[in-house]
Amino acid sequence: MDIDKFQKLIEETYLKKDANRGLSKTFMWFTEEVGELSRALRENNKEEMKKEFADVLAWLFSLASLSGINMEETISKYTAGCPVCHGIPCICIEK
């Protein structure tokens, strides 16, 4: 599935509910999912990681939709490589 289709699917499935909840409370749900992903990563639980990566992605796309952001357009920041050094792979020196 491409990015635009995924965003539309998430909108069809959750946008009304998320809009009623509001951006702030939807963001709180997103951060809860990030916490669950953190736990799965810490425990190195691959099955839970798969579930939580999917949940984080879905909530992120929902937040973008609530904010009027098209994720297909947003990712263009990275289509030419690192947005700082433009390298693929990135050759930026970490500080």
Protein backbone atom coordinates (compact mmCIF):
# COMPACT_ATOMS: atom_id res chain seq x y z
CA MET A 1 0.00 0.00 0.00
CA ASP A 2 1.34 3.43 -0.83
CA ILE A 3 1.52 6.32 1.62
CA ASP A 4 -1.42 8.28 0.22
CA LYS A 5 -3.70 5.22 0.24
CA PHE A 6 -2.69 4.42 3.82
CA GLN A 7 -3.47 7.95 4.97
CA LYS A 8 -6.88 7.80 3.27
CA LEU A 9 -7.59 4.42 4.91
CA ILE A 10 -6.71 5.78 8.35
CA GLU A 11 -8.91 8.82 7.68
CA GLU A 12 -11.86 6.66 6.60
CA THR A 13 -11.42 4.45 9.64
CA TYR A 14 -10.62 6.95 12.43
CA LEU A 15 -10.79 10.61 11.36
CA LYS A 16 -14.31 11.31 12.66
CA LYS A 17 -13.53 9.71 16.02
CA ASP A 18 -10.14 11.44 16.28
CA ALA A 19 -11.62 14.81 15.27
CA ASN A 20 -14.23 14.48 18.01
CA ARG A 21 -11.46 13.65 20.49
CA GLY A 22 -9.39 16.62 19.31
CA LEU A 23 -5.76 17.07 18.36
CA SER A 24 -4.40 17.32 21.89
CA LYS A 25 -6.05 14.14 23.18
CA THR A 26 -5.23 12.27 19.97
CA PHE A 27 -1.60 13.28 20.46
CA MET A 28 -1.74 11.81 23.97
CA TRP A 29 -2.93 8.48 22.49
CA PHE A 30 -0.03 8.68 20.02
CA THR A 31 2.50 9.18 22.81
CA GLU A 32 1.03 6.22 24.69
CA GLU A 33 1.62 4.06 21.61
CA VAL A 34 5.21 5.35 21.38
CA GLY A 35 5.66 4.24 25.00
CA GLU A 36 4.35 0.78 24.15
CA LEU A 37 6.78 0.62 21.22
CA SER A 38 9.58 1.64 23.56
CA ARG A 39 8.74 -1.24 25.88
CA ALA A 40 8.65 -3.73 22.98
CA LEU A 41 12.03 -2.48 21.76
CA ARG A 42 13.53 -2.65 25.24
CA GLU A 43 12.28 -6.22 25.65
CA ASN A 44 13.38 -7.10 22.08
CA ASN A 45 9.93 -8.61 21.49
CA LYS A 46 9.64 -8.80 17.69
CA GLU A 47 5.94 -9.67 17.60
CA GLU A 48 5.05 -6.76 19.88
CA MET A 49 7.38 -4.47 17.90
CA LYS A 50 5.45 -5.25 14.70
CA LYS A 51 2.14 -4.40 16.38
CA GLU A 52 3.43 -1.24 18.03
CA PHE A 53 5.21 0.08 14.92
CA ALA A 54 1.88 -0.28 13.09
CA ASP A 55 0.00 1.49 15.89
CA VAL A 56 2.51 4.36 16.04
CA LEU A 57 2.34 4.79 12.27
CA ALA A 58 -1.47 4.82 12.25
CA TRP A 59 -1.67 7.39 15.05
CA LEU A 60 1.02 9.55 13.37
CA PHE A 61 -0.96 9.56 10.13
CA SER A 62 -4.13 10.41 12.01
CA LEU A 63 -2.41 13.37 13.66
CA ALA A 64 -1.20 14.54 10.24
CA SER A 65 -4.72 14.32 8.83
CA LEU A 66 -6.17 16.22 11.78
CA SER A 67 -3.55 18.90 11.12
CA GLY A 68 -4.29 19.09 7.40
CA ILE A 69 -0.93 17.57 6.45
CA ASN A 70 -0.55 15.21 3.50
CA MET A 71 2.11 12.66 4.42
CA GLU A 72 2.93 11.87 0.76
CA GLU A 73 4.04 15.50 0.38
CA THR A 74 5.77 15.56 3.76
CA ILE A 75 8.17 12.72 3.01
CA SER A 76 9.63 14.68 0.09
CA LYS A 77 11.99 16.15 2.70
CA TYR A 78 13.89 12.83 2.56
CA THR A 79 13.54 11.74 -1.07
CA ALA A 80 16.93 13.24 -2.02
CA GLY A 81 18.70 11.72 0.98
CA CYS A 82 19.67 13.38 4.23
CA PRO A 83 18.11 16.86 4.30
CA VAL A 84 21.33 18.27 5.82
CA CYS A 85 24.22 16.66 3.92
CA HIS A 86 22.10 15.26 1.03
CA GLY A 87 24.04 12.02 1.34
CA ILE A 88 22.75 8.49 0.86
CA PRO A 89 23.87 7.23 3.28
CA CYS A 90 24.01 10.23 5.58
CA ILE A 91 27.55 11.45 6.21
CA CYS A 92 26.70 14.06 8.84
CA ILE A 93 29.02 14.07 11.83
CA GLU A 94 27.06 13.52 15.04
CA LYS A 95 27.77 15.96 17.82
